[in-house]
Amino acid sequence: MAAAYQLRKRGLTVRVLEATDHVGGRTRNIDVATGKMDVGTDDVIEIGGTWLSPDHSAALDLCRELDIEVYNASFVPDLDMPSAPKEDMPWWYWGSDYPAEQRQLLKQSVVHTSSGRHLYTTASELKAALPSRSITSLQRVGDFIDGKAAGISDRCWTANGTSSAWREADRDTTWGALGGKLEGKDAEQVLRNCIHEKNAQEPEAVSFLYNLLSFKGCNSKGADSQYRVRGGTQAIPLRIAAKLGDSVLLGQEVTSVKSDREGVEVRVRSGKSFRARAAILTGPPSAILGISFDPPLGGADAQWLQRMPMGTSLKLAAVYKEGPWWRELGLQGEILSTSLPPKLSLPAPDTDLPLFVQCMDHSPYSRRLGVIVCFVEGRQNLHFLQMSQNEQQERFLEFLAMSFNSSKAKTLRPSFVTHNWADQPFARGAYTGFFTPGVMSVPAFWTAFQNMEKLPNVFLAGSDYHIGFGNGYIEGALRDGEGAAHRAAERLQRAMHV
């Protein structure tokens, strides 16, 4: 959508072929007051990509251009507090990432560890809830990460990938590189939770180099959870779609792409074909691999796409018509876990893994309803989906009642919203594709990944593939779409003057 919008602004004719019945990709809204999806009201919550950092300039600029408001996700006043004490959260923190000055205004959050339930607002209070040996080992791991990050190129995603430090970091998984340095189950679960938040997958599956780029700040900076979009993040593509009008066609699954000297022919599932001078393809690797290309994609492209799987993430929301009642108890709504009782943990052989590890207040802009969202990711996600719906909801409410220390979590009888991205046929996971070990350090794979043009006048764009700041974020999707639009337009304009 971002690419089409930029091309239209350049005066070019565009056609958007959307495989699903809505626009937005992995951003999607639901109005928790009416149950309607794909709308941009003040009662929506996001069931996909949600937050913006102050450093996400492309997203913030586009919101201003489209006259879309952003607001503080923490629901605290946007105040300047230069005298407030500032304490940054540690590298491994997997909760909501707010600016230090806003954090001073937050109500208390809850963390469950091996020693029980604790309340915190500051980094010091959070650390005090964990065993001292766990904190010491996490600090050592942080120093180790800093040392490894200093050894790889400052060019981040544009590095040539041939340095010895780069290749060494790509030989192991994140767990293989870091897990053995941690002491205690709490510290081990902290690392799992940290990688779940980044990749919605187990650290045993993700390349250490891939996560090292994230730790290094190559993907995002600033407070990642500072802003939400009024009307939900899907308001951005919905607003663009309204501007593009009949140029957006829904339910048009692309099955084949043919590139020749005269341009590109795109065919959809119904058999209808479209001719264009250039095509920009979006979607996760699994969707791209489902398309037939003529001529075929290069072997290196086909191979690295196969080696970029998706994580698995489910957003589970409890919606209370009474509003965010936990605030009356002095609670922010943020809940973290490294250890839970057996009934709220996974079965053998994973009995030391808590079922719920991160939840937060996800109430809509209007605040007319109160919403708590829990992220169920990776191994927990796969187990959770084996439960019946009644059992899922029962466990969820039991966890909320224990966390808030209030029976209201159950007696107020919330409704529920559940969305599992792995079930969506054109996503098959979330949050983004990630690299397994040994891919980024293969020169042919790395060169192919960095090349946006896959066939003559056929470009690949999206958050998964963005070469630069914003990779894996809404910011990366917008920057990559705009970059693809620029390259395609420049190519077409040169051809017109030949």
Protein backbone atom coordinates (compact mmCIF):
# COMPACT_ATOMS: atom_id res chain seq x y z
CA MET A 1 0.00 0.00 0.00
CA ALA A 2 2.85 2.40 0.79
CA ALA A 3 4.43 1.66 -2.59
CA ALA A 4 1.16 2.19 -4.45
CA TYR A 5 0.57 5.45 -2.61
CA GLN A 6 4.00 6.78 -3.52
CA LEU A 7 3.63 5.75 -7.17
CA ARG A 8 0.23 7.41 -7.41
CA LYS A 9 1.71 10.61 -5.99
CA ARG A 10 4.25 10.49 -8.83
CA GLY A 11 1.38 10.46 -11.31
CA LEU A 12 1.70 6.79 -12.27
CA THR A 13 -1.21 4.39 -12.70
CA VAL A 14 -1.28 1.65 -10.08
CA ARG A 15 -3.25 -1.50 -9.37
CA VAL A 16 -3.14 -3.23 -5.97
CA LEU A 17 -3.93 -6.96 -6.00
CA GLU A 18 -4.69 -8.00 -2.42
CA ALA A 19 -4.98 -11.73 -1.72
CA THR A 20 -7.23 -11.36 1.34
CA ASP A 21 -10.57 -9.60 1.85
CA HIS A 22 -8.94 -6.62 3.57
CA VAL A 23 -5.91 -4.36 3.26
CA GLY A 24 -3.14 -4.06 5.80
CA GLY A 25 -1.09 -7.26 5.72
CA ARG A 26 -0.02 -8.05 9.29
CA THR A 27 -1.74 -4.94 10.65
CA ARG A 28 -5.40 -5.47 11.42
CA ASN A 29 -8.03 -3.85 13.66
CA ILE A 30 -11.08 -5.07 15.51
CA ASP A 31 -13.63 -2.75 17.11
CA VAL A 32 -14.15 -4.32 20.54
CA ALA A 33 -17.45 -2.46 21.02
CA THR A 34 -19.10 -3.76 17.84
CA GLY A 35 -16.97 -6.74 16.81
CA LYS A 36 -16.38 -5.25 13.36
CA MET A 37 -12.98 -5.82 11.77
CA ASP A 38 -10.99 -3.66 9.35
CA VAL A 39 -12.34 -0.34 10.65
CA GLY A 40 -10.58 2.70 12.10
CA THR A 41 -12.71 3.79 15.07
CA ASP A 42 -11.76 4.96 18.57
CA ASP A 43 -12.84 1.57 19.95
CA VAL A 44 -10.42 -0.59 17.95
CA ILE A 45 -7.54 -2.64 19.21
CA GLU A 46 -4.80 -3.99 16.97
CA ILE A 47 -4.50 -7.74 16.53
CA GLY A 48 -1.34 -7.32 14.48
CA GLY A 49 1.50 -4.78 14.37
CA THR A 50 0.79 -2.02 16.85
CA TRP A 51 3.49 0.29 18.19
CA LEU A 52 5.68 3.08 16.83
CA SER A 53 8.91 4.47 18.22
CA PRO A 54 9.76 8.19 18.10
CA ASP A 55 12.55 7.12 15.72
CA HIS A 56 10.10 5.52 13.27
CA SER A 57 10.15 8.62 11.12
CA ALA A 58 8.61 7.12 7.97
CA ALA A 59 5.56 5.89 9.90
CA LEU A 60 5.13 9.11 11.88
CA ASP A 61 5.57 11.27 8.77
CA LEU A 62 3.02 9.21 6.86
CA CYS A 63 0.53 9.49 9.74
CA ARG A 64 0.91 13.29 9.68
CA GLU A 65 0.48 13.34 5.90
CA LEU A 66 -2.67 11.24 6.13
CA ASP A 67 -3.97 13.31 9.08
CA ILE A 68 -3.85 10.33 11.46
CA GLU A 69 -3.20 11.02 15.14
CA VAL A 70 -0.72 9.11 17.28
CA TYR A 71 -0.90 9.01 21.08
CA ASN A 72 1.01 7.72 24.08
CA ALA A 73 0.42 3.98 24.38
CA SER A 74 1.02 4.15 28.14
CA PHE A 75 -2.01 6.47 28.56
CA VAL A 76 0.04 8.85 30.70
CA PRO A 77 0.10 12.59 29.94
CA ASP A 78 2.66 13.71 27.38
CA LEU A 79 4.63 15.76 29.89
CA ASP A 80 8.19 16.98 29.88
CA MET A 81 9.81 15.86 33.12
CA PRO A 82 13.51 16.78 32.90
CA SER A 83 13.94 16.52 36.67
CA ALA A 84 12.45 13.04 36.94
CA PRO A 85 14.92 10.26 37.81
CA LYS A 86 15.68 8.16 34.75
CA GLU A 87 16.61 4.50 34.84
CA ASP A 88 16.77 2.50 31.64
CA MET A 89 15.38 -1.02 31.60
CA PRO A 90 18.02 -3.77 31.09
CA TRP A 91 18.88 -5.22 27.67
CA TRP A 92 16.80 -8.32 28.35
CA TYR A 93 13.58 -6.52 29.30
CA TRP A 94 10.70 -7.94 27.30
CA GLY A 95 7.87 -5.69 28.52
CA SER A 96 6.45 -2.46 27.11
CA ASP A 97 9.23 -0.08 26.17
CA TYR A 98 8.24 3.42 27.28
CA PRO A 99 10.44 6.53 27.62
CA ALA A 100 12.13 6.82 31.01
CA GLU A 101 10.27 10.05 31.81
CA GLN A 102 6.90 8.40 31.10
CA ARG A 103 7.85 5.37 33.17
CA GLN A 104 7.98 7.60 36.26
CA LEU A 105 4.24 8.22 35.81
CA LEU A 106 3.18 4.61 35.33
CA LYS A 107 1.21 2.64 37.85
CA GLN A 108 2.70 -0.60 39.16
CA SER A 109 3.35 -3.61 36.95
CA VAL A 110 3.35 -7.27 37.97
CA VAL A 111 6.10 -9.85 37.52
CA HIS A 112 5.91 -13.54 38.49
CA THR A 113 9.24 -15.20 39.25
CA SER A 114 10.40 -18.33 41.07
CA SER A 115 10.01 -16.42 44.35
CA GLY A 116 6.40 -15.42 43.69
CA ARG A 117 4.42 -12.34 42.63
CA HIS A 118 6.12 -8.94 42.75
CA LEU A 119 5.25 -5.35 41.85
CA TYR A 120 7.62 -2.98 40.07
CA THR A 121 7.85 0.27 38.17
CA THR A 122 11.62 0.75 37.90
CA ALA A 123 14.42 -1.43 36.55
CA SER A 124 15.83 -1.81 40.07
CA GLU A 125 12.52 -3.14 41.38
CA LEU A 126 12.24 -5.57 38.46
CA LYS A 127 15.76 -6.88 39.03
CA ALA A 128 15.07 -7.28 42.75
CA ALA A 129 12.28 -9.73 41.90
CA LEU A 130 14.76 -12.13 40.28
CA PRO A 131 17.44 -14.21 42.02
CA SER A 132 20.73 -12.34 42.32
CA ARG A 133 22.68 -15.03 40.47
CA SER A 134 20.25 -14.76 37.56
CA ILE A 135 20.75 -10.99 37.38
CA THR A 136 24.54 -11.40 37.58
CA SER A 137 24.58 -13.91 34.73
CA LEU A 138 22.24 -11.77 32.62
CA GLN A 139 24.63 -8.86 33.07
CA ARG A 140 27.54 -11.05 31.96
CA VAL A 141 25.57 -12.09 28.89
CA GLY A 142 24.82 -8.44 28.18
CA ASP A 143 28.54 -7.65 28.28
CA PHE A 144 29.19 -10.61 25.98
CA ILE A 145 26.57 -9.32 23.51
CA ASP A 146 28.11 -5.85 23.59
CA GLY A 147 31.52 -7.31 22.79
CA LYS A 148 30.20 -9.38 19.90
CA ALA A 149 28.13 -6.47 18.56
CA ALA A 150 31.21 -4.24 18.57
CA GLY A 151 32.99 -6.75 16.36
CA ILE A 152 30.50 -6.77 13.51
CA SER A 153 30.21 -4.05 10.90
CA ASP A 154 28.56 -0.74 11.79
CA ARG A 155 26.81 -0.97 8.41
CA CYS A 156 24.25 -3.38 9.89
CA TRP A 157 22.07 -4.74 7.07
CA THR A 158 24.34 -3.38 4.34
CA ALA A 159 27.47 -5.15 5.66
CA ASN A 160 29.26 -7.36 3.14
CA GLY A 161 28.94 -10.40 5.39
CA THR A 162 32.47 -11.69 4.92
CA SER A 163 34.18 -10.60 8.14
CA SER A 164 35.28 -13.34 10.51
CA ALA A 165 33.21 -11.86 13.37
CA TRP A 166 30.09 -11.79 11.16
CA ARG A 167 30.53 -15.39 10.08
CA GLU A 168 31.33 -16.58 13.61
CA ALA A 169 28.15 -15.02 14.99
CA ASP A 170 26.12 -16.79 12.30
CA ARG A 171 27.41 -20.26 13.18
CA ASP A 172 25.24 -20.68 16.24
CA THR A 173 21.69 -20.18 17.42
CA THR A 174 20.93 -17.47 19.94
CA TRP A 175 20.45 -20.12 22.62
CA GLY A 176 23.67 -21.87 21.66
CA ALA A 177 25.60 -18.62 21.97
CA LEU A 178 23.99 -17.37 25.19
CA GLY A 179 22.04 -20.12 26.99
CA GLY A 180 25.04 -21.83 28.57
CA LYS A 181 26.14 -18.55 30.17
CA LEU A 182 22.93 -18.16 32.18
CA GLU A 183 22.41 -19.35 35.75
CA GLY A 184 19.02 -20.46 37.01
CA LYS A 185 15.64 -21.10 35.42
CA ASP A 186 14.58 -17.48 35.80
CA ALA A 187 17.53 -16.23 33.75
CA GLU A 188 16.95 -18.88 31.09
CA GLN A 189 13.27 -17.94 30.85
CA VAL A 190 14.20 -14.26 30.63
CA LEU A 191 16.22 -15.00 27.49
CA ARG A 192 13.36 -17.05 26.03
CA ASN A 193 10.92 -14.23 26.72
CA CYS A 194 13.27 -11.67 25.17
CA ILE A 195 13.57 -13.67 21.94
CA HIS A 196 9.84 -14.45 21.93
CA GLU A 197 9.20 -10.71 21.94
CA LYS A 198 11.56 -10.21 18.99
CA ASN A 199 10.86 -13.28 16.86
CA ALA A 200 7.86 -15.12 18.39
CA GLN A 201 10.06 -18.19 18.30
CA GLU A 202 12.46 -20.15 20.47
CA PRO A 203 16.06 -18.90 20.75
CA GLU A 204 17.19 -22.39 19.65
CA ALA A 205 15.76 -21.63 16.18
CA VAL A 206 17.14 -18.15 15.49
CA SER A 207 20.62 -17.22 14.27
CA PHE A 208 22.65 -15.40 16.92
CA LEU A 209 23.82 -12.99 14.22
CA TYR A 210 20.22 -12.16 13.31
CA ASN A 211 19.45 -11.29 16.94
CA LEU A 212 22.80 -9.54 17.35
CA LEU A 213 21.78 -7.00 14.70
CA SER A 214 18.65 -6.34 16.76
CA PHE A 215 20.60 -5.98 20.01
CA LYS A 216 22.97 -3.61 18.18
CA GLY A 217 20.08 -1.25 17.32
CA CYS A 218 20.10 -1.95 13.59
CA ASN A 219 16.31 -2.43 13.46
CA SER A 220 14.83 0.08 15.89
CA LYS A 221 15.79 2.73 18.42
CA GLY A 222 13.98 4.78 21.01
CA ALA A 223 11.01 3.60 23.04
CA ASP A 224 9.44 0.97 20.78
CA SER A 225 6.10 1.03 22.65
CA GLN A 226 5.75 4.80 22.99
CA TYR A 227 3.07 5.46 20.39
CA ARG A 228 -0.11 3.89 19.14
CA VAL A 229 -2.19 5.08 16.20
CA ARG A 230 -5.62 6.51 16.85
CA GLY A 231 -7.93 4.25 14.87
CA GLY A 232 -5.37 1.42 15.03
CA THR A 233 -2.38 0.86 12.79
CA GLN A 234 -4.62 -0.54 10.07
CA ALA A 235 -5.98 3.00 9.78
CA ILE A 236 -2.86 3.76 7.71
CA PRO A 237 -3.55 1.27 4.86
CA LEU A 238 -7.30 1.89 5.16
CA ARG A 239 -6.73 5.61 4.57
CA ILE A 240 -4.44 4.88 1.61
CA ALA A 241 -6.95 2.42 0.15
CA ALA A 242 -9.65 5.09 0.34
CA LYS A 243 -7.40 7.44 -1.66
CA LEU A 244 -6.62 4.76 -4.26
CA GLY A 245 -10.29 3.83 -4.66
CA ASP A 246 -11.06 1.31 -7.41
CA SER A 247 -7.36 0.68 -7.94
CA VAL A 248 -7.43 -1.69 -4.95
CA LEU A 249 -8.83 -5.15 -5.76
CA LEU A 250 -9.49 -7.54 -2.86
CA GLY A 251 -9.52 -11.33 -2.99
CA GLN A 252 -6.96 -11.44 -5.80
CA GLU A 253 -4.40 -14.10 -4.88
CA VAL A 254 -1.43 -13.87 -7.22
CA THR A 255 -0.45 -17.28 -8.56
CA SER A 256 2.10 -16.44 -11.24
CA VAL A 257 4.37 -13.64 -12.36
CA LYS A 258 5.93 -13.53 -15.83
CA SER A 259 8.64 -11.05 -16.64
CA ASP A 260 9.64 -10.22 -20.24
CA ARG A 261 11.10 -7.37 -22.24
CA GLU A 262 7.76 -5.62 -22.54
CA GLY A 263 6.97 -5.67 -18.82
CA VAL A 264 5.27 -7.97 -16.34
CA GLU A 265 2.21 -10.20 -16.54
CA VAL A 266 0.56 -11.12 -13.22
CA ARG A 267 -2.07 -13.86 -13.02
CA VAL A 268 -4.47 -14.39 -10.10
CA ARG A 269 -6.29 -17.46 -8.80
CA SER A 270 -9.44 -16.76 -10.85
CA GLY A 271 -7.36 -16.95 -14.03
CA LYS A 272 -7.54 -13.24 -14.77
CA SER A 273 -4.26 -11.60 -15.78
CA PHE A 274 -2.93 -8.05 -15.49
CA ARG A 275 -0.20 -6.39 -17.52
CA ALA A 276 2.10 -3.74 -16.08
CA ARG A 277 5.47 -2.20 -16.74
CA ALA A 278 6.66 -3.20 -13.26
CA ALA A 279 5.43 -5.19 -10.26
CA ILE A 280 6.16 -4.88 -6.54
CA LEU A 281 5.52 -8.07 -4.56
CA THR A 282 4.89 -8.04 -0.81
CA GLY A 283 4.15 -10.72 1.72
CA PRO A 284 6.16 -13.12 3.89
CA PRO A 285 8.53 -15.70 2.40
CA SER A 286 5.93 -18.49 2.44
CA ALA A 287 3.58 -16.39 0.28
CA ILE A 288 6.31 -15.47 -2.19
CA LEU A 289 7.38 -19.10 -2.51
CA GLY A 290 3.78 -19.98 -3.41
CA ILE A 291 3.99 -17.91 -6.60
CA SER A 292 5.15 -19.40 -9.91
CA PHE A 293 7.76 -17.22 -11.63
CA ASP A 294 8.72 -17.16 -15.32
CA PRO A 295 11.65 -17.10 -15.61
CA PRO A 296 12.11 -18.90 -12.27
CA LEU A 297 13.56 -17.10 -9.28
CA GLY A 298 17.31 -17.50 -9.03
CA GLY A 299 18.45 -20.46 -6.98
CA ALA A 300 20.00 -18.28 -4.27
CA ASP A 301 16.72 -16.35 -3.86
CA ALA A 302 14.64 -19.53 -3.67
CA GLN A 303 17.05 -21.00 -1.14
CA TRP A 304 17.27 -18.08 1.30
CA LEU A 305 13.49 -17.63 1.18
CA GLN A 306 13.18 -21.26 2.29
CA ARG A 307 15.54 -20.48 5.17
CA MET A 308 13.53 -17.54 6.51
CA PRO A 309 10.67 -19.05 8.54
CA MET A 310 8.06 -17.11 10.50
CA GLY A 311 7.54 -17.06 14.23
CA THR A 312 4.19 -18.04 15.72
CA SER A 313 2.24 -15.51 17.77
CA LEU A 314 -1.27 -15.31 19.15
CA LYS A 315 -2.87 -12.23 20.65
CA LEU A 316 -5.36 -13.19 23.35
CA ALA A 317 -7.51 -10.33 24.63
CA ALA A 318 -9.95 -10.09 27.55
CA VAL A 319 -12.40 -7.23 26.91
CA TYR A 320 -14.15 -5.68 29.94
CA LYS A 321 -17.13 -3.41 29.41
CA GLU A 322 -16.34 -1.83 32.80
CA GLY A 323 -13.18 -0.23 31.39
CA PRO A 324 -9.60 -0.71 32.66
CA TRP A 325 -10.63 -1.48 36.26
CA TRP A 326 -7.11 -2.62 37.20
CA ARG A 327 -6.03 1.02 37.21
CA GLU A 328 -8.22 1.53 40.29
CA LEU A 329 -6.02 -1.05 42.02
CA GLY A 330 -2.93 0.99 41.20
CA LEU A 331 -1.88 -1.40 38.43
CA GLN A 332 -0.68 -0.46 34.95
CA GLY A 333 -1.91 -3.71 33.39
CA GLU A 334 1.59 -4.94 32.47
CA ILE A 335 2.28 -8.55 33.55
CA LEU A 336 5.53 -10.46 33.02
CA SER A 337 6.43 -14.01 34.04
CA THR A 338 9.48 -16.22 34.34
CA SER A 339 7.75 -18.84 36.51
CA LEU A 340 4.14 -19.84 37.21
CA PRO A 341 2.30 -22.61 39.12
CA PRO A 342 1.98 -25.99 37.32
CA LYS A 343 -1.59 -25.36 36.14
CA LEU A 344 -0.38 -22.23 34.34
CA SER A 345 2.72 -23.86 32.90
CA LEU A 346 3.37 -26.22 30.01
CA PRO A 347 3.11 -30.00 30.47
CA ALA A 348 6.11 -32.35 30.58
CA PRO A 349 8.80 -32.12 29.39
CA ASP A 350 8.43 -28.31 29.58
CA THR A 351 6.98 -27.96 33.09
CA ASP A 352 9.39 -25.12 33.90
CA LEU A 353 7.99 -22.93 31.09
CA PRO A 354 5.15 -20.53 32.06
CA LEU A 355 2.17 -20.45 29.71
CA PHE A 356 1.78 -16.66 29.87
CA VAL A 357 4.90 -14.50 29.88
CA GLN A 358 3.80 -11.02 28.71
CA CYS A 359 0.50 -9.19 28.98
CA MET A 360 -0.43 -5.52 28.89
CA ASP A 361 -3.21 -2.97 28.96
CA HIS A 362 -4.32 -2.77 25.33
CA SER A 363 -7.44 -0.71 25.83
CA PRO A 364 -8.70 1.32 22.86
CA TYR A 365 -8.18 5.05 22.49
CA SER A 366 -11.68 5.77 23.81
CA ARG A 367 -11.01 3.92 27.10
CA ARG A 368 -14.71 3.00 27.10
CA LEU A 369 -13.69 -0.64 27.41
CA GLY A 370 -10.77 -2.18 29.23
CA VAL A 371 -8.63 -4.67 27.34
CA ILE A 372 -5.82 -6.88 28.58
CA VAL A 373 -3.82 -8.61 25.84
CA CYS A 374 -1.47 -11.54 26.37
CA PHE A 375 1.03 -12.66 23.74
CA VAL A 376 1.27 -16.44 23.43
CA GLU A 377 4.31 -17.19 21.29
CA GLY A 378 6.63 -19.96 20.20
CA ARG A 379 6.35 -23.23 22.12
CA GLN A 380 3.64 -21.82 24.38
CA ASN A 381 1.57 -20.97 21.32
CA LEU A 382 1.69 -24.52 19.98
CA HIS A 383 0.61 -25.95 23.33
CA PHE A 384 -2.10 -23.33 23.89
CA LEU A 385 -3.78 -24.13 20.59
CA GLN A 386 -4.18 -27.77 21.63
CA MET A 387 -6.55 -26.68 24.42
CA SER A 388 -10.27 -26.24 24.01
CA GLN A 389 -11.56 -22.68 23.83
CA ASN A 390 -13.13 -23.01 27.29
CA GLU A 391 -9.84 -24.23 28.77
CA GLN A 392 -7.91 -21.41 27.10
CA GLN A 393 -10.24 -18.80 28.58
CA GLU A 394 -10.29 -20.46 32.00
CA ARG A 395 -6.50 -20.49 32.23
CA PHE A 396 -6.32 -16.91 31.00
CA LEU A 397 -8.76 -15.61 33.60
CA GLU A 398 -7.07 -17.57 36.36
CA PHE A 399 -3.77 -15.97 35.40
CA LEU A 400 -5.31 -12.48 35.38
CA ALA A 401 -7.00 -13.02 38.75
CA MET A 402 -3.71 -14.19 40.28
CA SER A 403 -1.78 -11.33 38.70
CA PHE A 404 -4.17 -8.54 39.71
CA ASN A 405 -4.92 -10.24 43.03
CA SER A 406 -8.60 -9.64 42.35
CA SER A 407 -11.56 -11.89 41.58
CA LYS A 408 -12.88 -9.14 39.29
CA ALA A 409 -10.87 -10.68 36.49
CA LYS A 410 -13.40 -13.53 36.50
CA THR A 411 -16.59 -12.07 38.00
CA LEU A 412 -16.78 -9.18 35.55
CA ARG A 413 -17.09 -11.80 32.80
CA PRO A 414 -15.14 -10.36 29.90
CA SER A 415 -15.57 -11.26 26.27
CA PHE A 416 -12.56 -12.58 24.34
CA VAL A 417 -10.73 -11.85 21.12
CA THR A 418 -8.21 -14.36 19.79
CA HIS A 419 -6.12 -14.07 16.66
CA ASN A 420 -3.40 -16.54 15.71
CA TRP A 421 -1.30 -15.37 12.78
CA ALA A 422 -0.03 -18.84 11.90
CA ASP A 423 -3.60 -19.72 10.90
CA GLN A 424 -3.78 -16.94 8.30
CA PRO A 425 -3.11 -18.47 4.85
CA PHE A 426 -1.15 -15.51 3.46
CA ALA A 427 0.86 -14.84 6.63
CA ARG A 428 1.46 -18.23 8.25
CA GLY A 429 3.08 -16.62 11.24
CA ALA A 430 4.30 -13.44 12.90
CA TYR A 431 5.88 -11.13 13.64
CA THR A 432 8.31 -11.35 10.78
CA GLY A 433 10.54 -13.78 8.96
CA PHE A 434 13.81 -14.54 10.75
CA PHE A 435 17.05 -16.19 9.66
CA THR A 436 18.25 -19.55 10.90
CA PRO A 437 22.01 -20.02 11.50
CA GLY A 438 24.35 -20.22 8.54
CA VAL A 439 22.30 -18.19 6.05
CA MET A 440 23.41 -14.59 6.45
CA SER A 441 27.09 -15.62 6.24
CA VAL A 442 26.73 -17.41 2.88
CA PRO A 443 27.82 -14.78 0.32
CA ALA A 444 25.39 -15.90 -2.39
CA PHE A 445 22.42 -15.83 0.01
CA TRP A 446 23.40 -12.48 1.52
CA THR A 447 23.91 -10.84 -1.87
CA ALA A 448 20.58 -12.18 -3.13
CA PHE A 449 18.79 -10.98 0.02
CA GLN A 450 20.15 -7.46 -0.46
CA ASN A 451 18.96 -7.27 -4.08
CA MET A 452 15.39 -5.93 -4.21
CA GLU A 453 14.87 -6.64 -7.93
CA LYS A 454 14.30 -10.37 -8.29
CA LEU A 455 13.43 -10.48 -12.00
CA PRO A 456 13.54 -7.66 -14.54
CA ASN A 457 11.07 -5.03 -13.24
CA VAL A 458 9.87 -7.35 -10.45
CA PHE A 459 10.69 -6.02 -6.98
CA LEU A 460 10.29 -7.65 -3.56
CA ALA A 461 9.41 -5.37 -0.63
CA GLY A 462 8.27 -5.67 2.97
CA SER A 463 9.34 -5.51 6.59
CA ASP A 464 10.94 -8.97 6.29
CA TYR A 465 13.27 -7.84 3.51
CA HIS A 466 14.07 -4.22 4.36
CA ILE A 467 17.78 -3.50 4.08
CA GLY A 468 18.16 -0.93 6.82
CA PHE A 469 16.63 0.60 9.92
CA GLY A 470 13.12 -0.71 10.56
CA ASN A 471 13.67 -4.31 9.42
CA GLY A 472 10.90 -6.40 10.94
CA TYR A 473 8.80 -3.39 11.98
CA ILE A 474 5.95 -1.38 10.46
CA GLU A 475 8.66 1.22 9.86
CA GLY A 476 10.59 -1.23 7.69
CA ALA A 477 7.51 -2.14 5.67
CA LEU A 478 6.86 1.52 4.89
CA ARG A 479 10.49 2.35 4.10
CA ASP A 480 10.84 -0.68 1.88
CA GLY A 481 7.58 0.01 0.03
CA GLU A 482 8.61 3.59 -0.56
CA GLY A 483 12.07 2.44 -1.67
CA ALA A 484 10.61 -0.06 -4.13
CA ALA A 485 8.28 2.62 -5.50
CA HIS A 486 11.23 4.95 -6.01
CA ARG A 487 13.29 2.33 -7.83
CA ALA A 488 10.39 1.24 -10.04
CA ALA A 489 9.46 4.83 -10.90
CA GLU A 490 13.04 5.78 -11.72
CA ARG A 491 13.34 2.71 -13.96
CA LEU A 492 10.12 3.52 -15.80
CA GLN A 493 10.96 7.17 -16.24
CA ARG A 494 14.37 6.31 -17.73
CA ALA A 495 12.72 3.85 -20.11
CA MET A 496 10.27 6.52 -21.27
CA HIS A 497 13.15 8.81 -22.24
CA VAL A 498 15.08 6.20 -24.19
